[in-house]
PDB file of N, CA and C in Angstrom:
ATOM      1  N   UNK A   1     -21.448  21.218   8.358  1.00  0.00           N
ATOM      2  CA  UNK A   1     -22.433  21.374   9.309  1.00  0.00           C
ATOM      3  C   UNK A   1     -23.357  19.931   9.380  1.00  0.00           C
ATOM      4  N   UNK A   2     -23.293  19.605  10.875  1.00  0.00           N
ATOM      5  CA  UNK A   2     -24.011  18.626  11.120  1.00  0.00           C
ATOM      6  C   UNK A   2     -24.872  18.611  11.900  1.00  0.00           C
ATOM      7  N   UNK A   3     -25.645  17.379  12.465  1.00  0.00           N
ATOM      8  CA  UNK A   3     -26.375  17.456  13.693  1.00  0.00           C
ATOM      9  C   UNK A   3     -25.635  16.340  14.309  1.00  0.00           C
ATOM     10  N   UNK A   4     -25.145  16.399  15.920  1.00  0.00           N
ATOM     11  CA  UNK A   4     -24.709  15.331  16.705  1.00  0.00           C
ATOM     12  C   UNK A   4     -25.404  15.262  17.910  1.00  0.00           C
ATOM     13  N   UNK A   5     -26.140  14.005  17.863  1.00  0.00           N
ATOM     14  CA  UNK A   5     -26.589  13.739  19.386  1.00  0.00           C
ATOM     15  C   UNK A   5     -25.887  13.141  20.540  1.00  0.00           C
ATOM     16  N   UNK A   6     -26.366  14.535  21.506  1.00  0.00           N
ATOM     17  CA  UNK A   6     -25.651  13.930  22.731  1.00  0.00           C
ATOM     18  C   UNK A   6     -26.589  13.469  23.362  1.00  0.00           C
ATOM     19  N   UNK A   7     -25.948  13.332  25.114  1.00  0.00           N
ATOM     20  CA  UNK A   7     -26.606  12.522  25.794  1.00  0.00           C
ATOM     21  C   UNK A   7     -27.630  13.686  26.644  1.00  0.00           C
ATOM     22  N   UNK A   8     -28.847  13.906  27.015  1.00  0.00           N
ATOM     23  CA  UNK A   8     -29.651  14.765  27.661  1.00  0.00           C
ATOM     24  C   UNK A   8     -28.804  15.617  28.741  1.00  0.00           C
ATOM     25  N   UNK A   9     -28.373  14.832  29.876  1.00  0.00           N
ATOM     26  CA  UNK A   9     -27.545  15.374  30.766  1.00  0.00           C
ATOM     27  C   UNK A   9     -26.214  16.236  30.268  1.00  0.00           C
ATOM     28  N   UNK A  10     -25.629  15.777  29.392  1.00  0.00           N
ATOM     29  CA  UNK A  10     -24.260  16.438  28.605  1.00  0.00           C
ATOM     30  C   UNK A  10     -24.781  17.973  28.240  1.00  0.00           C
ATOM     31  N   UNK A  11     -25.822  17.717  27.237  1.00  0.00           N
ATOM     32  CA  UNK A  11     -26.151  18.702  26.668  1.00  0.00           C
ATOM     33  C   UNK A  11     -26.637  19.865  27.893  1.00  0.00           C
ATOM     34  N   UNK A  12     -27.336  19.434  29.049  1.00  0.00           N
ATOM     35  CA  UNK A  12     -27.751  20.424  30.289  1.00  0.00           C
ATOM     36  C   UNK A  12     -26.203  20.718  30.558  1.00  0.00           C
ATOM     37  N   UNK A  13     -25.108  20.203  30.806  1.00  0.00           N
ATOM     38  CA  UNK A  13     -24.102  20.528  31.504  1.00  0.00           C
ATOM     39  C   UNK A  13     -23.477  21.830  30.616  1.00  0.00           C
ATOM     40  N   UNK A  14     -23.917  21.486  29.029  1.00  0.00           N
ATOM     41  CA  UNK A  14     -23.165  22.519  28.117  1.00  0.00           C
ATOM     42  C   UNK A  14     -23.871  23.571  28.186  1.00  0.00           C
ATOM     43  N   UNK A  15     -25.065  23.744  28.648  1.00  0.00           N
ATOM     44  CA  UNK A  15     -26.109  24.974  28.524  1.00  0.00           C
ATOM     45  C   UNK A  15     -25.672  25.683  29.949  1.00  0.00           C
ATOM     46  N   UNK A  16     -25.423  24.742  31.092  1.00  0.00           N
ATOM     47  CA  UNK A  16     -24.899  25.857  32.134  1.00  0.00           C
ATOM     48  C   UNK A  16     -23.833  26.184  32.095  1.00  0.00           C
ATOM     49  N   UNK A  17     -22.746  25.364  31.406  1.00  0.00           N
ATOM     50  CA  UNK A  17     -21.665  26.102  31.186  1.00  0.00           C
ATOM     51  C   UNK A  17     -21.512  27.170  30.351  1.00  0.00           C
ATOM     52  N   UNK A  18     -22.178  27.257  29.258  1.00  0.00           N
ATOM     53  CA  UNK A  18     -22.248  28.253  28.209  1.00  0.00           C
ATOM     54  C   UNK A  18     -22.764  29.650  28.695  1.00  0.00           C
ATOM     55  N   UNK A  19     -23.932  29.358  29.927  1.00  0.00           N
ATOM     56  CA  UNK A  19     -24.163  30.857  30.277  1.00  0.00           C
ATOM     57  C   UNK A  19     -23.033  31.478  31.223  1.00  0.00           C
ATOM     58  N   UNK A  20     -22.098  30.655  31.673  1.00  0.00           N
ATOM     59  CA  UNK A  20     -21.225  30.854  32.789  1.00  0.00           C
ATOM     60  C   UNK A  20     -19.965  31.574  32.159  1.00  0.00           C
ATOM     61  N   UNK A  21     -19.778  31.059  31.001  1.00  0.00           N
ATOM     62  CA  UNK A  21     -18.567  31.311  29.771  1.00  0.00           C
ATOM     63  C   UNK A  21     -19.098  32.460  28.519  1.00  0.00           C
ATOM     64  N   UNK A  22     -19.999  32.817  28.541  1.00  0.00           N
ATOM     65  CA  UNK A  22     -21.013  34.105  27.860  1.00  0.00           C
ATOM     66  C   UNK A  22     -20.658  33.291  26.193  1.00  0.00           C
ATOM     67  N   UNK A  23     -21.348  31.859  26.004  1.00  0.00           N
ATOM     68  CA  UNK A  23     -21.071  31.328  24.857  1.00  0.00           C
ATOM     69  C   UNK A  23     -22.364  30.617  24.439  1.00  0.00           C
ATOM     70  N   UNK A  24     -23.009  30.394  23.237  1.00  0.00           N
ATOM     71  CA  UNK A  24     -23.943  29.854  22.856  1.00  0.00           C
ATOM     72  C   UNK A  24     -23.345  28.223  23.757  1.00  0.00           C
ATOM     73  N   UNK A  25     -24.518  27.029  23.423  1.00  0.00           N
ATOM     74  CA  UNK A  25     -24.376  26.025  23.693  1.00  0.00           C
ATOM     75  C   UNK A  25     -24.008  25.556  22.344  1.00  0.00           C
ATOM     76  N   UNK A  26     -23.788  25.669  21.482  1.00  0.00           N
ATOM     77  CA  UNK A  26     -23.212  25.104  20.278  1.00  0.00           C
ATOM     78  C   UNK A  26     -21.389  25.722  20.407  1.00  0.00           C
ATOM     79  N   UNK A  27     -21.243  26.867  20.834  1.00  0.00           N
ATOM     80  CA  UNK A  27     -19.770  27.375  20.999  1.00  0.00           C
ATOM     81  C   UNK A  27     -19.499  26.360  22.096  1.00  0.00           C
ATOM     82  N   UNK A  28     -20.329  26.156  23.070  1.00  0.00           N
ATOM     83  CA  UNK A  28     -19.484  25.834  24.475  1.00  0.00           C
ATOM     84  C   UNK A  28     -18.961  24.215  23.954  1.00  0.00           C
ATOM     85  N   UNK A  29     -20.126  23.327  23.023  1.00  0.00           N
ATOM     86  CA  UNK A  29     -19.904  21.864  22.801  1.00  0.00           C
ATOM     87  C   UNK A  29     -18.656  22.324  21.954  1.00  0.00           C
ATOM     88  N   UNK A  30     -18.747  22.892  20.884  1.00  0.00           N
ATOM     89  CA  UNK A  30     -17.364  23.051  20.343  1.00  0.00           C
ATOM     90  C   UNK A  30     -16.051  23.361  20.820  1.00  0.00           C
ATOM     91  N   UNK A  31     -16.136  24.291  21.637  1.00  0.00           N
ATOM     92  CA  UNK A  31     -14.948  24.512  22.511  1.00  0.00           C
ATOM     93  C   UNK A  31     -14.609  23.180  23.120  1.00  0.00           C
ATOM     94  N   UNK A  32     -15.633  22.433  23.884  1.00  0.00           N
ATOM     95  CA  UNK A  32     -14.915  21.467  24.712  1.00  0.00           C
ATOM     96  C   UNK A  32     -14.506  20.307  23.628  1.00  0.00           C
ATOM     97  N   UNK A  33     -15.132  20.035  22.313  1.00  0.00           N
ATOM     98  CA  UNK A  33     -14.388  19.093  21.362  1.00  0.00           C
ATOM     99  C   UNK A  33     -13.226  19.513  20.819  1.00  0.00           C
ATOM    100  N   UNK A  34     -12.955  20.515  20.668  1.00  0.00           N
ATOM    101  CA  UNK A  34     -11.509  21.324  20.282  1.00  0.00           C
ATOM    102  C   UNK A  34     -10.713  20.950  21.225  1.00  0.00           C
ATOM    103  N   UNK A  35     -10.774  21.199  22.368  1.00  0.00           N
ATOM    104  CA  UNK A  35     -10.079  21.331  23.362  1.00  0.00           C
ATOM    105  C   UNK A  35      -9.525  19.400  23.949  1.00  0.00           C
ATOM    106  N   UNK A  36     -10.532  19.115  23.840  1.00  0.00           N
ATOM    107  CA  UNK A  36     -10.647  17.452  24.087  1.00  0.00           C
ATOM    108  C   UNK A  36      -9.689  16.989  22.943  1.00  0.00           C
ATOM    109  N   UNK A  37      -9.836  17.192  21.603  1.00  0.00           N
ATOM    110  CA  UNK A  37      -9.055  16.859  20.477  1.00  0.00           C
ATOM    111  C   UNK A  37      -7.380  17.055  20.748  1.00  0.00           C
ATOM    112  N   UNK A  38      -7.347  17.814  21.031  1.00  0.00           N
ATOM    113  CA  UNK A  38      -6.039  18.582  21.402  1.00  0.00           C
ATOM    114  C   UNK A  38      -5.264  18.160  22.324  1.00  0.00           C
ATOM    115  N   UNK A  39      -6.052  17.629  23.551  1.00  0.00           N
ATOM    116  CA  UNK A  39      -5.766  16.842  24.617  1.00  0.00           C
ATOM    117  C   UNK A  39      -5.397  15.390  24.269  1.00  0.00           C
ATOM    118  N   UNK A  40      -6.348  14.493  23.360  1.00  0.00           N
ATOM    119  CA  UNK A  40      -6.069  13.369  23.115  1.00  0.00           C
ATOM    120  C   UNK A  40      -4.466  13.411  21.895  1.00  0.00           C
ATOM    121  N   UNK A  41      -4.269  14.054  21.200  1.00  0.00           N
ATOM    122  CA  UNK A  41      -3.172  14.365  20.516  1.00  0.00           C
ATOM    123  C   UNK A  41      -1.902  14.875  21.126  1.00  0.00           C
ATOM    124  N   UNK A  42      -2.236  15.177  22.372  1.00  0.00           N
ATOM    125  CA  UNK A  42      -1.106  15.977  23.281  1.00  0.00           C
ATOM    126  C   UNK A  42      -0.992  15.594  24.483  1.00  0.00           C
ATOM    127  N   UNK A  43      -1.311  14.311  24.809  1.00  0.00           N
ATOM    128  CA  UNK A  43      -1.269  13.983  26.244  1.00  0.00           C
ATOM    129  C   UNK A  43      -0.738  14.681  27.339  1.00  0.00           C
ATOM    130  N   UNK A  44       0.634  14.920  27.083  1.00  0.00           N
ATOM    131  CA  UNK A  44       1.238  15.970  28.246  1.00  0.00           C
ATOM    132  C   UNK A  44       0.918  16.979  28.552  1.00  0.00           C
ATOM    133  N   UNK A  45       0.257  17.898  27.538  1.00  0.00           N
ATOM    134  CA  UNK A  45      -0.265  18.846  28.192  1.00  0.00           C
ATOM    135  C   UNK A  45      -1.435  19.132  28.863  1.00  0.00           C
ATOM    136  N   UNK A  46      -1.661  20.203  29.853  1.00  0.00           N
ATOM    137  CA  UNK A  46      -2.134  20.643  30.409  1.00  0.00           C
ATOM    138  C   UNK A  46      -3.369  21.223  29.932  1.00  0.00           C
ATOM    139  N   UNK A  47      -4.637  21.336  30.968  1.00  0.00           N
ATOM    140  CA  UNK A  47      -5.249  22.476  30.038  1.00  0.00           C
ATOM    141  C   UNK A  47      -4.638  23.667  29.667  1.00  0.00           C
ATOM    142  N   UNK A  48      -4.130  24.618  30.788  1.00  0.00           N
ATOM    143  CA  UNK A  48      -3.366  25.557  30.799  1.00  0.00           C
ATOM    144  C   UNK A  48      -2.495  25.558  29.637  1.00  0.00           C
ATOM    145  N   UNK A  49      -1.746  24.932  29.557  1.00  0.00           N
ATOM    146  CA  UNK A  49      -0.953  24.382  28.171  1.00  0.00           C
ATOM    147  C   UNK A  49      -1.420  24.723  26.748  1.00  0.00           C
ATOM    148  N   UNK A  50      -2.376  23.988  26.942  1.00  0.00           N
ATOM    149  CA  UNK A  50      -3.349  23.853  25.735  1.00  0.00           C
ATOM    150  C   UNK A  50      -4.110  25.427  25.208  1.00  0.00           C
ATOM    151  N   UNK A  51      -4.575  26.006  26.430  1.00  0.00           N
ATOM    152  CA  UNK A  51      -5.394  27.542  25.784  1.00  0.00           C
ATOM    153  C   UNK A  51      -4.137  28.839  26.085  1.00  0.00           C
ATOM    154  N   UNK A  52      -2.897  28.383  26.396  1.00  0.00           N
ATOM    155  CA  UNK A  52      -1.822  29.185  25.735  1.00  0.00           C
ATOM    156  C   UNK A  52      -1.678  29.351  24.439  1.00  0.00           C
ATOM    157  N   UNK A  53      -1.348  27.889  23.992  1.00  0.00           N
ATOM    158  CA  UNK A  53      -0.701  27.652  22.676  1.00  0.00           C
ATOM    159  C   UNK A  53      -2.052  28.040  21.822  1.00  0.00           C
ATOM    160  N   UNK A  54      -3.246  27.955  22.279  1.00  0.00           N
ATOM    161  CA  UNK A  54      -4.446  28.229  21.331  1.00  0.00           C
ATOM    162  C   UNK A  54      -4.481  29.760  21.293  1.00  0.00           C
ATOM    163  N   UNK A  55      -4.437  30.764  22.489  1.00  0.00           N
ATOM    164  CA  UNK A  55      -4.061  31.993  22.619  1.00  0.00           C
ATOM    165  C   UNK A  55      -3.136  32.744  21.620  1.00  0.00           C
ATOM    166  N   UNK A  56      -1.707  31.983  21.853  1.00  0.00           N
ATOM    167  CA  UNK A  56      -0.615  32.371  21.167  1.00  0.00           C
ATOM    168  C   UNK A  56      -0.855  32.299  19.444  1.00  0.00           C
ATOM    169  N   UNK A  57      -1.594  30.935  19.169  1.00  0.00           N
ATOM    170  CA  UNK A  57      -1.731  30.928  18.100  1.00  0.00           C
ATOM    171  C   UNK A  57      -2.616  32.246  17.105  1.00  0.00           C
ATOM    172  N   UNK A  58      -3.515  32.440  18.002  1.00  0.00           N
ATOM    173  CA  UNK A  58      -4.652  32.942  17.608  1.00  0.00           C
ATOM    174  C   UNK A  58      -3.675  34.719  17.558  1.00  0.00           C
ATOM    175  N   UNK A  59      -2.911  35.207  18.011  1.00  0.00           N
ATOM    176  CA  UNK A  59      -2.278  36.279  17.984  1.00  0.00           C
ATOM    177  C   UNK A  59      -3.165  36.919  18.620  1.00  0.00           C
ATOM    178  N   UNK A  60      -3.396  36.713  20.013  1.00  0.00           N
ATOM    179  CA  UNK A  60      -4.388  37.664  20.853  1.00  0.00           C
ATOM    180  C   UNK A  60      -3.595  38.626  21.518  1.00  0.00           C
ATOM    181  N   UNK A  61      -3.682  40.381  20.740  1.00  0.00           N
ATOM    182  CA  UNK A  61      -2.764  40.822  21.639  1.00  0.00           C
ATOM    183  C   UNK A  61      -3.219  41.323  22.934  1.00  0.00           C
ATOM    184  N   UNK A  62      -2.067  41.680  23.681  1.00  0.00           N
ATOM    185  CA  UNK A  62      -2.010  42.155  25.052  1.00  0.00           C
ATOM    186  C   UNK A  62      -2.149  40.759  26.182  1.00  0.00           C
ATOM    187  N   UNK A  63      -1.959  39.563  25.373  1.00  0.00           N
ATOM    188  CA  UNK A  63      -1.750  39.032  26.285  1.00  0.00           C
ATOM    189  C   UNK A  63      -0.359  37.987  26.674  1.00  0.00           C
ATOM    190  N   UNK A  64       0.301  37.873  27.097  1.00  0.00           N
ATOM    191  CA  UNK A  64       1.631  37.215  27.612  1.00  0.00           C
ATOM    192  C   UNK A  64       1.477  36.214  28.389  1.00  0.00           C
ATOM    193  N   UNK A  65       2.248  35.258  28.067  1.00  0.00           N
ATOM    194  CA  UNK A  65       2.510  34.069  29.279  1.00  0.00           C
ATOM    195  C   UNK A  65       3.355  34.312  30.021  1.00  0.00           C
ATOM    196  N   UNK A  66       3.036  34.003  31.580  1.00  0.00           N
ATOM    197  CA  UNK A  66       3.876  34.672  32.102  1.00  0.00           C
ATOM    198  C   UNK A  66       4.519  32.926  32.849  1.00  0.00           C
ATOM    199  N   UNK A  67       5.657  33.056  33.148  1.00  0.00           N
ATOM    200  CA  UNK A  67       6.393  31.710  33.622  1.00  0.00           C
ATOM    201  C   UNK A  67       5.962  31.394  34.977  1.00  0.00           C
ATOM    202  N   UNK A  68       5.844  30.017  35.027  1.00  0.00           N
ATOM    203  CA  UNK A  68       5.353  29.454  36.509  1.00  0.00           C
ATOM    204  C   UNK A  68       6.701  29.608  37.407  1.00  0.00           C
TER     205      UNK A  68
END
């Protein structure tokens, strides 16, 4: 656990996004960091691909991927 300094404008964006997504500001920032890290390591994946893989990895019941 540590402290990360971020720009005030980015903090405000995280605050607004966290309210919409029903997450804490910290949880929103962690979500963005995790998705960003996965995207950097897998540049050919879309956001939807990243979310599908994460849902499948978490073995979330009742969620099925639908072919496009």
